[in-house]
Protein backbone atom coordinates (compact mmCIF):
# COMPACT_ATOMS: atom_id res chain seq x y z
CA GLY A 1 -21.53 -10.24 18.73
CA ASP A 2 -18.76 -11.30 17.95
CA THR A 3 -17.66 -7.69 16.39
CA ASP A 4 -19.02 -6.94 20.37
CA ARG A 5 -17.00 -8.94 21.98
CA ALA A 6 -13.95 -8.00 19.30
CA ARG A 7 -14.55 -4.46 20.54
CA GLU A 8 -15.41 -4.82 24.12
CA ASN A 9 -11.50 -6.95 24.05
CA LEU A 10 -9.53 -4.02 22.28
CA ASN A 11 -11.20 -1.86 24.42
CA ARG A 12 -9.75 -3.48 27.51
CA ALA A 13 -6.21 -3.81 25.72
CA ALA A 14 -6.42 0.46 24.67
CA ALA A 15 -7.62 1.02 28.10
CA ALA A 16 -4.27 -0.78 29.11
CA ASN A 17 -2.03 1.83 26.59
CA HIS A 18 -1.89 -0.95 22.98
CA PRO A 19 -1.62 0.67 20.20
CA ASP A 20 -2.60 -2.23 18.20
CA ALA A 21 -5.94 -2.04 19.82
CA ARG A 22 -6.54 1.73 18.91
CA TYR A 23 -5.68 0.23 15.55
CA TRP A 24 -7.75 -1.97 14.68
CA LEU A 25 -10.62 0.00 17.01
CA GLY A 26 -9.89 3.20 14.64
CA GLN A 27 -10.66 -0.33 11.75
CA LEU A 28 -14.15 -1.07 13.00
CA ALA A 29 -15.15 2.26 14.04
CA HIS A 30 -14.27 2.91 9.90
CA ALA A 31 -15.86 -0.08 8.42
CA GLN A 32 -19.34 1.47 10.51
CA GLY A 33 -18.56 4.76 8.88
CA ASP A 34 -17.60 6.76 12.30
CA GLU A 35 -14.92 8.70 10.93
CA THR A 36 -14.18 11.10 13.89
CA ALA A 37 -14.18 7.81 16.37
CA ALA A 38 -11.86 6.51 13.38
CA THR A 39 -9.58 9.20 13.38
CA ALA A 40 -9.41 9.42 17.21
CA TYR A 41 -8.49 6.28 18.05
CA TRP A 42 -5.32 6.57 14.71
CA GLN A 43 -4.30 9.44 16.11
CA ARG A 44 -3.88 7.92 19.64
CA ALA A 45 -1.69 5.01 17.84
CA ALA A 46 0.13 7.08 15.66
CA ALA A 47 1.41 8.84 18.78
CA GLN A 48 2.91 5.64 19.75
CA ASN A 49 4.78 5.46 16.81
CA HIS A 50 2.02 3.16 14.72
CA ALA A 51 2.84 3.11 11.54
CA GLY A 52 -0.19 1.17 10.49
CA ALA A 53 -2.62 4.34 11.85
CA MET A 54 -0.01 6.62 10.31
CA ARG A 55 -0.60 5.01 7.03
CA GLU A 56 -4.72 4.58 7.51
CA LEU A 57 -4.74 8.77 8.60
CA GLY A 58 -3.11 9.29 5.43
CA ASN A 59 -5.50 7.13 3.52
CA GLN A 60 -8.23 9.49 5.27
CA GLN A 61 -6.71 12.57 4.26
CA ALA A 62 -5.99 11.58 0.31
CA ARG A 63 -10.23 10.53 0.41
CA ARG A 64 -10.79 13.66 1.94
CA GLY A 65 -8.98 15.38 -1.19
CA ASP A 66 -5.80 16.92 0.43
CA GLN A 67 -3.36 15.28 -0.86
CA GLN A 68 0.07 16.70 0.95
CA ASN A 69 -1.23 16.64 4.47
CA ALA A 70 -1.61 12.47 3.19
CA ARG A 71 1.70 12.22 1.70
CA ASP A 72 3.22 13.88 4.80
CA TRP A 73 0.99 10.72 6.95
CA TRP A 74 2.04 8.03 4.37
CA GLN A 75 5.97 9.55 4.39
CA ARG A 76 5.92 9.02 8.65
CA ALA A 77 4.57 5.67 8.17
CA ALA A 78 7.33 5.03 5.62
CA GLU A 79 9.71 6.28 7.71
CA THR A 80 8.95 4.28 11.17
CA ARG A 81 10.86 1.18 12.36
CA PRO A 82 9.12 -1.04 11.04
CA PRO A 83 8.41 0.68 8.58
CA ASP A 84 5.07 0.29 6.16
CA ALA A 85 4.93 -0.80 3.45
CA GLN A 86 1.33 0.15 1.79
CA ALA A 87 2.41 3.62 2.82
CA MET A 88 5.86 3.08 0.88
CA TYR A 89 3.68 2.05 -2.09
CA HIS A 90 1.07 4.91 -1.97
CA LEU A 91 3.67 7.53 -1.48
CA GLY A 92 5.55 6.43 -4.21
CA GLN A 93 2.01 6.03 -6.82
CA SER A 94 1.16 9.36 -5.18
CA LEU A 95 4.13 11.12 -6.79
CA LEU A 96 4.63 9.63 -10.26
CA ALA A 97 3.35 12.41 -11.72
CA GLU A 98 5.89 15.08 -10.67
CA ASN A 99 8.95 13.19 -8.80
CA ARG A 100 9.19 9.48 -10.87
CA GLU A 101 12.46 9.30 -9.17
CA ALA A 102 11.15 9.50 -5.74
CA THR A 103 8.67 7.01 -7.11
CA ARG A 104 11.22 5.07 -8.16
CA HIS A 105 12.33 5.23 -4.22
CA TRP A 106 9.80 4.63 -2.60
CA TRP A 107 8.61 1.42 -4.92
CA GLN A 108 11.79 -0.11 -4.60
CA GLN A 109 11.91 0.56 -0.55
CA ALA A 110 8.05 -1.07 -0.46
CA SER A 111 9.25 -4.42 -2.80
CA GLU A 112 12.19 -5.03 -0.43
CA HIS A 113 9.05 -4.44 2.75
CA GLY A 114 6.84 -7.66 0.73
CA HIS A 115 5.50 -5.46 -1.15
CA GLY A 116 3.51 -7.71 -4.67
CA TRP A 117 2.35 -4.49 -6.62
CA ALA A 118 5.52 -2.67 -5.83
CA SER A 119 7.77 -5.35 -7.02
CA TRP A 120 5.18 -5.97 -10.09
CA TYR A 121 5.67 -2.22 -11.22
CA LEU A 122 9.30 -2.73 -11.15
CA ALA A 123 8.89 -5.75 -13.02
CA SER A 124 6.50 -3.87 -16.11
CA SER A 125 8.55 -0.80 -15.77
CA TYR A 126 11.56 -2.98 -16.28
CA ALA A 127 10.39 -4.65 -19.40
CA MET A 128 8.74 -1.77 -21.19
CA PRO A 129 8.71 1.94 -21.24
CA ASP A 130 6.34 3.74 -18.85
CA ALA A 131 5.87 6.39 -16.83
CA LEU A 132 8.33 5.21 -14.19
CA GLY A 133 11.08 6.00 -16.72
CA LEU A 134 13.18 2.72 -16.24
CA PRO A 135 16.10 1.33 -18.55
CA GLN A 136 15.25 -1.80 -20.44
CA ASP A 137 16.37 -4.88 -18.10
CA GLY A 138 14.83 -8.45 -18.67
CA ALA A 139 16.83 -9.56 -16.00
CA LYS A 140 15.22 -7.84 -13.73
CA ALA A 141 12.12 -7.17 -14.99
CA TRP A 142 11.85 -11.47 -14.28
CA GLN A 143 13.94 -11.18 -10.46
CA TYR A 144 11.00 -8.05 -9.71
CA ALA A 145 8.25 -10.11 -11.45
CA ARG A 146 9.68 -13.01 -9.32
CA ARG A 147 10.07 -11.85 -6.65
CA ALA A 148 6.04 -10.18 -6.41
CA ALA A 149 4.69 -13.78 -7.00
CA ASP A 150 6.36 -15.06 -4.20
CA GLN A 151 5.43 -11.91 -2.07
CA GLY A 152 2.02 -13.01 -3.19
CA ASN A 153 0.70 -11.20 -6.62
CA ARG A 154 -1.57 -12.93 -8.08
CA ASP A 155 -1.16 -11.14 -11.53
CA ALA A 156 2.38 -11.66 -11.64
CA ALA A 157 2.47 -15.19 -13.38
CA LYS A 158 0.84 -13.24 -16.25
CA LEU A 159 4.06 -11.28 -16.64
CA LEU A 160 6.65 -13.85 -16.00
CA MET A 161 4.62 -16.01 -18.98
CA ALA A 162 5.39 -12.73 -20.88
CA LEU A 163 8.81 -11.75 -20.33
CA ALA A 164 9.77 -15.48 -20.51
CA ALA A 165 7.34 -15.33 -23.85
CA ALA A 166 10.01 -12.68 -24.48
CA SER A 167 13.23 -14.25 -23.92
CA CYS A 168 13.30 -12.57 -20.45
CA GLY A 169 14.05 -15.25 -18.28
CA PRO A 170 15.62 -18.11 -17.46
CA PRO A 171 15.79 -20.86 -20.19
CA THR A 172 12.96 -22.80 -20.10
CA PRO A 173 14.39 -27.16 -20.70
CA THR A 174 13.88 -27.96 -23.63
CA PRO A 175 12.88 -31.97 -24.03
CA THR A 176 15.62 -34.81 -25.53
CA ARG A 177 13.99 -37.33 -27.53
CA LYS A 178 16.19 -40.54 -27.70
CA ALA A 179 15.82 -43.45 -29.41
CA ARG A 180 16.17 -46.73 -27.92
CA THR A 181 15.86 -49.88 -29.54
CA THR A 182 13.11 -52.46 -27.96
CA GLY A 183 13.69 -55.18 -29.90
CA PRO A 184 12.12 -57.02 -32.78
CA SER A 185 8.67 -56.50 -34.48
CA THR A 186 6.35 -57.88 -35.99
CA THR A 187 7.24 -55.98 -38.83
CA GLY A 188 11.27 -57.47 -38.87
CA THR A 189 12.43 -54.17 -38.09
CA PRO A 190 13.45 -53.41 -34.68
CA ALA A 191 11.12 -51.59 -32.84
CA THR A 192 11.65 -48.60 -30.82
CA ARG A 193 10.50 -45.95 -28.42
CA THR A 194 11.07 -42.34 -26.89
CA LYS A 195 12.51 -41.47 -23.62
CA THR A 196 12.29 -37.93 -22.41
CA THR A 197 15.55 -36.62 -20.80
CA GLY A 198 15.29 -33.15 -19.64
CA ALA A 199 18.62 -30.53 -20.60
CA ARG A 200 20.75 -28.85 -18.14
CA PRO A 201 19.84 -25.54 -18.58
CA PRO A 202 22.85 -23.36 -18.66
CA ALA A 203 24.10 -21.21 -16.32
CA SER A 204 21.77 -17.48 -15.72
CA PRO A 205 22.88 -15.06 -18.22
CA ARG A 206 22.86 -11.62 -18.49
CA LEU A 207 19.15 -11.13 -19.84
CA PRO A 208 18.24 -8.84 -23.15
CA ALA A 209 15.37 -5.93 -22.37
CA CYS A 210 11.88 -7.59 -23.49
CA PRO A 211 10.66 -5.26 -26.42
CA ARG A 212 7.96 -7.43 -27.16
CA THR A 213 4.89 -7.86 -25.42
CA ARG A 214 3.84 -6.42 -21.73
CA ALA A 215 0.77 -7.77 -19.39
CA ARG A 216 -1.24 -4.99 -18.83
CA GLN A 217 -2.68 -4.81 -14.88
CA THR A 218 -5.12 -2.32 -13.38
CA PRO A 219 -3.82 -1.90 -9.53
CA PRO A 220 -5.72 -2.23 -6.81
């Protein structure tokens, strides 16, 4: 079937020393429950500086309960060039209970490299006090929530709505209605109709913190 053909093509690429092929062969083996083969493929790809393979080796160690080895692999993946944003996120998540400064660092790095959940958690922490311990800052909360939405986090819209409700985002233009005379009416009084025009929003100010509301989410 398609899986067999894919494996055949990947084996040819792996024989030609392509780390991506070894990574994906590891993914196939993992999906089929062969962790021994998956480990072998990922280790060979990691030896070629494949950040995704390093991340998967970290995930594998975490599933086995070896948190320190998991962190070691995630950190290697995070520091490889190009880095792996998912590894940065996992590394930060694993450190939250004992070193929130490190968590902030890795989630900020993950956010800058396109990780939507890292951006969402930073936005949430800037909006409301939590374990991450960031200062309350509505402008930064909006910035990170907007980034999370742009990075494909489908739940970021809920947070943006909550921030807007708490006056933590760019103000929404309020429509104004102008009366305009259109001619005499059948009652002898001038007839009017309304026209909606959009008010120009003010320049973005330094926005306040958001004390009232916070969207709750469950991490992936």
